[in-house]
Amino acid sequence: MELIILGSGGANPTPKPFCQCPACKKARRLGKPYKRNGSSLFIKDINAVIDCGEDIGDSLNRRNVKKIDNLFITH
């Protein structure tokens, strides 16, 4: 079973929209690994996403996920 971490930024991904703190500015300027999307996981064998935040589209595009058959929301 192949697991792909789509995001690990927790409830508050970095950079936050409109935020001008040093961490968010750095994430915008340098990108990965400073840019972190909200927590989500993709299970390749069954095309499943576990949890998805507001930035799931960016996460899926970054990892080239082309199909989702199952979505599990844990909370």
Protein backbone atom coordinates (compact mmCIF):
# COMPACT_ATOMS: atom_id res chain seq x y z
CA MET A 1 0.00 0.00 0.00
CA GLU A 2 1.43 3.36 -1.01
CA LEU A 3 0.63 6.34 1.21
CA ILE A 4 1.30 9.87 -0.01
CA ILE A 5 1.30 12.73 2.47
CA LEU A 6 -0.44 15.58 0.68
CA GLY A 7 -0.05 18.07 3.50
CA SER A 8 1.24 18.22 7.04
CA GLY A 9 0.66 21.85 7.99
CA GLY A 10 -2.09 21.16 10.51
CA ALA A 11 -5.19 23.31 10.87
CA ASN A 12 -3.30 26.44 9.83
CA PRO A 13 -1.33 25.92 6.62
CA THR A 14 1.63 28.16 5.86
CA PRO A 15 1.47 30.73 4.39
CA LYS A 16 -1.89 31.93 5.62
CA PRO A 17 -3.82 34.17 3.23
CA PHE A 18 -2.99 37.86 3.73
CA CYS A 19 -0.62 37.15 6.64
CA GLN A 20 2.55 39.23 6.63
CA CYS A 21 4.40 37.55 9.51
CA PRO A 22 8.02 36.53 8.82
CA ALA A 23 7.17 32.80 8.52
CA CYS A 24 4.42 33.38 5.94
CA LYS A 25 6.57 35.80 3.94
CA LYS A 26 9.39 33.25 3.89
CA ALA A 27 7.03 30.47 2.79
CA ARG A 28 5.74 32.60 -0.10
CA ARG A 29 9.26 33.53 -1.17
CA LEU A 30 10.97 30.12 -0.85
CA GLY A 31 8.11 27.61 -1.22
CA LYS A 32 8.84 24.02 -0.23
CA PRO A 33 9.71 23.04 2.53
CA TYR A 34 8.50 26.28 4.15
CA LYS A 35 5.12 26.20 2.37
CA ARG A 36 2.94 23.58 4.08
CA ASN A 37 -0.60 22.67 3.15
CA GLY A 38 -3.27 21.40 5.54
CA SER A 39 -3.09 17.84 6.78
CA SER A 40 -4.25 15.20 4.30
CA LEU A 41 -3.22 11.77 3.08
CA PHE A 42 -3.71 9.96 -0.25
CA ILE A 43 -3.91 6.14 -0.42
CA LYS A 44 -2.85 5.28 -3.94
CA ASP A 45 -4.15 1.70 -4.12
CA ILE A 46 -7.78 2.75 -3.58
CA ASN A 47 -7.58 6.38 -4.77
CA ALA A 48 -8.64 7.64 -1.37
CA VAL A 49 -8.06 10.95 0.39
CA ILE A 50 -8.19 11.12 4.16
CA ASP A 51 -9.09 14.63 5.30
CA CYS A 52 -8.86 17.65 3.07
CA GLY A 53 -8.44 21.27 3.93
CA GLU A 54 -9.18 24.39 1.95
CA ASP A 55 -5.96 23.98 -0.05
CA ILE A 56 -6.60 20.37 -1.16
CA GLY A 57 -6.58 21.39 -4.84
CA ASP A 58 -3.01 22.64 -4.57
CA SER A 59 -1.98 19.51 -2.66
CA LEU A 60 -3.49 17.17 -5.29
CA ASN A 61 -1.90 19.09 -8.16
CA ARG A 62 1.53 19.13 -6.52
CA ARG A 63 1.49 15.34 -6.16
CA ASN A 64 -0.10 14.76 -9.58
CA VAL A 65 -3.16 12.93 -8.21
CA LYS A 66 -5.52 12.41 -11.14
CA LYS A 67 -8.42 10.49 -9.60
CA ILE A 68 -10.21 10.22 -6.25
CA ASP A 69 -12.72 7.44 -5.68
CA ASN A 70 -13.04 7.69 -1.89
CA LEU A 71 -12.96 10.56 0.58
CA PHE A 72 -12.79 10.04 4.35
CA ILE A 73 -13.33 12.93 6.74
CA THR A 74 -12.16 12.20 10.28
CA HIS A 75 -13.49 15.29 12.03
